[in-house]
C-alpha atoms as a PDB file:
ATOM      1  CA  MET A   1      -0.806 -16.971   0.970  1.00  0.00           C
ATOM      2  CA  PRO A   2       0.451 -17.470   4.045  1.00  0.00           C
ATOM      3  CA  VAL A   3      -1.088 -20.000   6.341  1.00  0.00           C
ATOM      4  CA  ALA A   4      -2.009 -18.216   8.786  1.00  0.00           C
ATOM      5  CA  PHE A   5      -5.001 -16.579   6.726  1.00  0.00           C
ATOM      6  CA  THR A   6      -6.338 -19.783   6.127  1.00  0.00           C
ATOM      7  CA  CYS A   7      -8.432 -22.654   7.720  1.00  0.00           C
ATOM      8  CA  ASP A   8      -5.026 -24.656   7.691  1.00  0.00           C
ATOM      9  CA  GLY A   9      -3.959 -21.617   9.485  1.00  0.00           C
ATOM     10  CA  GLN A  10      -5.094 -19.321  12.802  1.00  0.00           C
ATOM     11  CA  SER A  11      -7.957 -18.070  10.735  1.00  0.00           C
ATOM     12  CA  GLN A  12      -6.690 -14.584  10.691  1.00  0.00           C
ATOM     13  CA  SER A  13      -8.132 -11.796   8.511  1.00  0.00           C
ATOM     14  CA  PRO A  14      -4.962 -10.507   6.675  1.00  0.00           C
ATOM     15  CA  SER A  15      -2.636  -7.111   6.533  1.00  0.00           C
ATOM     16  CA  LEU A  16      -3.202  -5.069   4.004  1.00  0.00           C
ATOM     17  CA  ALA A  17      -1.996  -1.660   3.255  1.00  0.00           C
ATOM     18  CA  TRP A  18      -2.657   0.548   0.469  1.00  0.00           C
ATOM     19  CA  THR A  19      -2.545   4.830  -0.124  1.00  0.00           C
ATOM     20  CA  ARG A  20      -4.008   7.005   0.344  1.00  0.00           C
ATOM     21  CA  GLY A  21      -7.200   7.403  -2.201  1.00  0.00           C
ATOM     22  CA  PRO A  22      -7.879  10.035  -4.691  1.00  0.00           C
ATOM     23  CA  THR A  23      -9.385  13.571  -3.951  1.00  0.00           C
ATOM     24  CA  GLY A  24     -12.670  13.461  -2.711  1.00  0.00           C
ATOM     25  CA  THR A  25     -12.536   9.910  -1.547  1.00  0.00           C
ATOM     26  CA  VAL A  26     -14.532  10.012   2.158  1.00  0.00           C
ATOM     27  CA  GLY A  27     -13.632   6.726   3.626  1.00  0.00           C
ATOM     28  CA  TYR A  28     -12.899   2.654   1.735  1.00  0.00           C
ATOM     29  CA  ALA A  29     -14.345  -0.719   1.959  1.00  0.00           C
ATOM     30  CA  ILE A  30     -12.704  -3.917   0.938  1.00  0.00           C
ATOM     31  CA  ALA A  31     -14.146  -7.666  -0.256  1.00  0.00           C
ATOM     32  CA  MET A  32     -12.156 -10.481  -1.017  1.00  0.00           C
ATOM     33  CA  HIS A  33     -13.397 -13.562  -2.794  1.00  0.00           C
ATOM     34  CA  HIS A  34     -12.412 -16.366  -4.935  1.00  0.00           C
ATOM     35  CA  ILE A  35     -14.033 -17.678  -8.540  1.00  0.00           C
ATOM     36  CA  PRO A  36     -14.168 -22.130  -8.046  1.00  0.00           C
ATOM     37  CA  GLY A  37     -15.639 -22.312 -11.531  1.00  0.00           C
ATOM     38  CA  PRO A  38     -17.812 -19.902 -13.981  1.00  0.00           C
ATOM     39  CA  GLY A  39     -20.709 -18.587 -12.859  1.00  0.00           C
ATOM     40  CA  ASP A  40     -19.434 -18.900  -9.087  1.00  0.00           C
ATOM     41  CA  THR A  41     -17.951 -16.614  -6.606  1.00  0.00           C
ATOM     42  CA  HIS A  42     -17.424 -17.160  -3.080  1.00  0.00           C
ATOM     43  CA  TRP A  43     -16.763 -14.293  -0.803  1.00  0.00           C
ATOM     44  CA  TYR A  44     -14.446 -14.557   2.434  1.00  0.00           C
ATOM     45  CA  TRP A  45     -14.385 -11.078   3.476  1.00  0.00           C
ATOM     46  CA  VAL A  46     -16.427  -7.980   3.346  1.00  0.00           C
ATOM     47  CA  VAL A  47     -15.888  -4.894   5.025  1.00  0.00           C
ATOM     48  CA  TYR A  48     -17.093  -1.246   3.874  1.00  0.00           C
ATOM     49  CA  ASN A  49     -17.518   2.413   6.787  1.00  0.00           C
ATOM     50  CA  ILE A  50     -13.349   2.043   6.165  1.00  0.00           C
ATOM     51  CA  PRO A  51     -12.709   5.621   7.151  1.00  0.00           C
ATOM     52  CA  SER A  52     -10.286   8.302   4.994  1.00  0.00           C
ATOM     53  CA  THR A  53      -8.043   8.006   7.703  1.00  0.00           C
ATOM     54  CA  THR A  54      -7.639   4.760   6.829  1.00  0.00           C
ATOM     55  CA  THR A  55      -4.665   3.092   5.355  1.00  0.00           C
ATOM     56  CA  LYS A  56      -4.257   0.161   6.685  1.00  0.00           C
ATOM     57  CA  VAL A  57      -5.105  -3.402   8.415  1.00  0.00           C
ATOM     58  CA  LEU A  58      -3.280  -5.566  10.591  1.00  0.00           C
ATOM     59  CA  ALA A  59      -3.002  -9.137  10.669  1.00  0.00           C
ATOM     60  CA  GLY A  60      -6.095 -10.537  12.832  1.00  0.00           C
ATOM     61  CA  GLY A  61      -6.919  -7.495  13.968  1.00  0.00           C
ATOM     62  CA  PRO A  62     -10.659  -5.958  14.491  1.00  0.00           C
ATOM     63  CA  ALA A  63     -12.005  -4.849  11.435  1.00  0.00           C
ATOM     64  CA  PRO A  64     -12.064  -1.033  10.666  1.00  0.00           C
ATOM     65  CA  GLY A  65     -15.156  -0.613  10.007  1.00  0.00           C
ATOM     66  CA  THR A  66     -18.599  -2.489   9.542  1.00  0.00           C
ATOM     67  CA  VAL A  67     -18.684  -5.774   8.202  1.00  0.00           C
ATOM     68  CA  GLY A  68     -20.557  -7.843   5.864  1.00  0.00           C
ATOM     69  CA  THR A  69     -21.121 -11.474   6.202  1.00  0.00           C
ATOM     70  CA  ASN A  70     -19.105 -14.190   3.744  1.00  0.00           C
ATOM     71  CA  SER A  71     -20.578 -17.551   1.953  1.00  0.00           C
ATOM     72  CA  VAL A  72     -18.650 -19.641   3.677  1.00  0.00           C
ATOM     73  CA  ASN A  73     -20.576 -19.969   6.635  1.00  0.00           C
ATOM     74  CA  ASN A  74     -22.773 -16.441   6.183  1.00  0.00           C
ATOM     75  CA  GLN A  75     -21.992 -14.613   9.364  1.00  0.00           C
ATOM     76  CA  LEU A  76     -20.750 -11.104  10.442  1.00  0.00           C
ATOM     77  CA  ALA A  77     -16.728 -12.120  10.119  1.00  0.00           C
ATOM     78  CA  TYR A  78     -13.702 -12.843   7.617  1.00  0.00           C
ATOM     79  CA  ALA A  79     -14.221 -16.520   6.539  1.00  0.00           C
ATOM     80  CA  PRO A  80     -10.685 -18.095   5.520  1.00  0.00           C
ATOM     81  CA  PRO A  81     -10.221 -19.723   3.140  1.00  0.00           C
ATOM     82  CA  CYS A  82     -10.443 -23.685   3.146  1.00  0.00           C
ATOM     83  CA  SER A  83      -9.465 -24.732  -0.786  1.00  0.00           C
ATOM     84  CA  LYS A  84     -10.713 -28.055  -1.684  1.00  0.00           C
ATOM     85  CA  GLY A  85      -9.088 -30.359  -3.786  1.00  0.00           C
ATOM     86  CA  PRO A  86      -6.047 -29.935  -5.673  1.00  0.00           C
ATOM     87  CA  GLY A  87      -3.717 -27.402  -6.921  1.00  0.00           C
ATOM     88  CA  ILE A  88      -3.478 -23.869  -6.612  1.00  0.00           C
ATOM     89  CA  LYS A  89      -6.414 -21.635  -5.932  1.00  0.00           C
ATOM     90  CA  VAL A  90      -6.282 -17.708  -6.339  1.00  0.00           C
ATOM     91  CA  TYR A  91      -7.929 -14.850  -3.672  1.00  0.00           C
ATOM     92  CA  THR A  92      -8.752 -11.552  -4.779  1.00  0.00           C
ATOM     93  CA  LEU A  93      -8.558  -8.688  -2.302  1.00  0.00           C
ATOM     94  CA  THR A  94      -9.762  -5.622  -3.339  1.00  0.00           C
ATOM     95  CA  VAL A  95      -9.495  -2.086  -1.354  1.00  0.00           C
ATOM     96  CA  TYR A  96     -12.350   0.523  -3.102  1.00  0.00           C
ATOM     97  CA  ALA A  97     -12.088   4.359  -2.679  1.00  0.00           C
ATOM     98  CA  LEU A  98     -15.242   5.930  -2.099  1.00  0.00           C
ATOM     99  CA  SER A  99     -17.310   9.137  -2.950  1.00  0.00           C
ATOM    100  CA  ALA A 100     -19.661   8.299   0.132  1.00  0.00           C
ATOM    101  CA  ALA A 101     -20.520   5.943   2.760  1.00  0.00           C
ATOM    102  CA  PRO A 102     -22.557   2.999   0.908  1.00  0.00           C
ATOM    103  CA  SER A 103     -26.592   3.421   2.180  1.00  0.00           C
ATOM    104  CA  PHE A 104     -28.060   0.036   2.643  1.00  0.00           C
ATOM    105  CA  PRO A 105     -32.159  -0.187   3.192  1.00  0.00           C
ATOM    106  CA  SER A 106     -32.579  -1.205   7.323  1.00  0.00           C
ATOM    107  CA  GLY A 107     -32.286  -5.360   7.963  1.00  0.00           C
ATOM    108  CA  THR A 108     -30.189  -5.989   4.533  1.00  0.00           C
ATOM    109  CA  SER A 109     -27.814  -8.278   5.184  1.00  0.00           C
ATOM    110  CA  VAL A 110     -24.147  -6.688   3.323  1.00  0.00           C
ATOM    111  CA  SER A 111     -22.867  -9.797   0.580  1.00  0.00           C
ATOM    112  CA  ARG A 112     -20.481  -9.316  -1.617  1.00  0.00           C
ATOM    113  CA  ASP A 113     -23.120  -8.463  -4.333  1.00  0.00           C
ATOM    114  CA  VAL A 114     -25.532  -6.693  -2.548  1.00  0.00           C
ATOM    115  CA  LEU A 115     -21.784  -4.155  -1.066  1.00  0.00           C
ATOM    116  CA  LEU A 116     -20.711  -4.386  -4.985  1.00  0.00           C
ATOM    117  CA  GLU A 117     -24.244  -2.493  -6.392  1.00  0.00           C
ATOM    118  CA  ALA A 118     -24.275   0.253  -3.913  1.00  0.00           C
ATOM    119  CA  ILE A 119     -20.580   1.453  -3.899  1.00  0.00           C
ATOM    120  CA  LYS A 120     -21.019   1.409  -8.226  1.00  0.00           C
ATOM    121  CA  PRO A 121     -22.003   5.340  -8.100  1.00  0.00           C
ATOM    122  CA  ILE A 122     -19.782   6.483  -5.106  1.00  0.00           C
ATOM    123  CA  THR A 123     -16.361   4.413  -6.376  1.00  0.00           C
ATOM    124  CA  LEU A 124     -13.459   7.170  -7.176  1.00  0.00           C
ATOM    125  CA  ALA A 125     -11.098   4.297  -7.566  1.00  0.00           C
ATOM    126  CA  SER A 126     -10.128   0.694  -6.338  1.00  0.00           C
ATOM    127  CA  SER A 127      -7.103  -1.990  -6.612  1.00  0.00           C
ATOM    128  CA  SER A 128      -6.615  -5.405  -6.052  1.00  0.00           C
ATOM    129  CA  ILE A 129      -4.092  -7.988  -5.523  1.00  0.00           C
ATOM    130  CA  ASP A 130      -4.245 -11.355  -6.178  1.00  0.00           C
ATOM    131  CA  VAL A 131      -3.050 -13.880  -4.209  1.00  0.00           C
ATOM    132  CA  THR A 132      -2.635 -18.007  -4.210  1.00  0.00           C
ATOM    133  CA  TYR A 133      -3.270 -20.794  -1.638  1.00  0.00           C
ATOM    134  CA  ASP A 134      -2.796 -24.383  -2.377  1.00  0.00           C
ATOM    135  CA  ARG A 135      -3.434 -26.934   0.589  1.00  0.00           C
ATOM    136  CA  SER A 136      -1.467 -30.069  -0.581  1.00  0.00           C
END
C-alpha cells in the first residue's frame, strides 16, 4: 500500500478501478478491512450506493457514494491504516456488484458488518485485492 493512503502519509483514500459488473448490476459497494488477529476485524472504509456507471475511484477524491463508518474513530469517512507493531500488515479492499441498492432502517450506523449483512442477498459478484504495508 503506498504510504499516501496511510497515517504516515497524506491519509488519502486509495484509488480503485474495476470492470463493469455482471448483467443486472445496479450499483456497487466498497469495503476495506484488516484482520489483526483471530476474531478481530478492523475496517477503514465503507462506501455504498455507488452508481452502476462508476468503475473507478480516484485517490483522495470524494467518495462515489454514501460513506459508512470506520472502526478507527467511528466517523463517516475513510480512516487511514496506522499499523501498530512490527511487520507487514495485510489490508483487503473489496468491490461488490449489487442487484439492488442496500436498504437500512432509518438511523442505522452502517459499519462493515451492517453493510455485508444488507448486501448478502443482493450481491451478484465481488472482487478483492490484498495490499500490504509495513511501518518499519
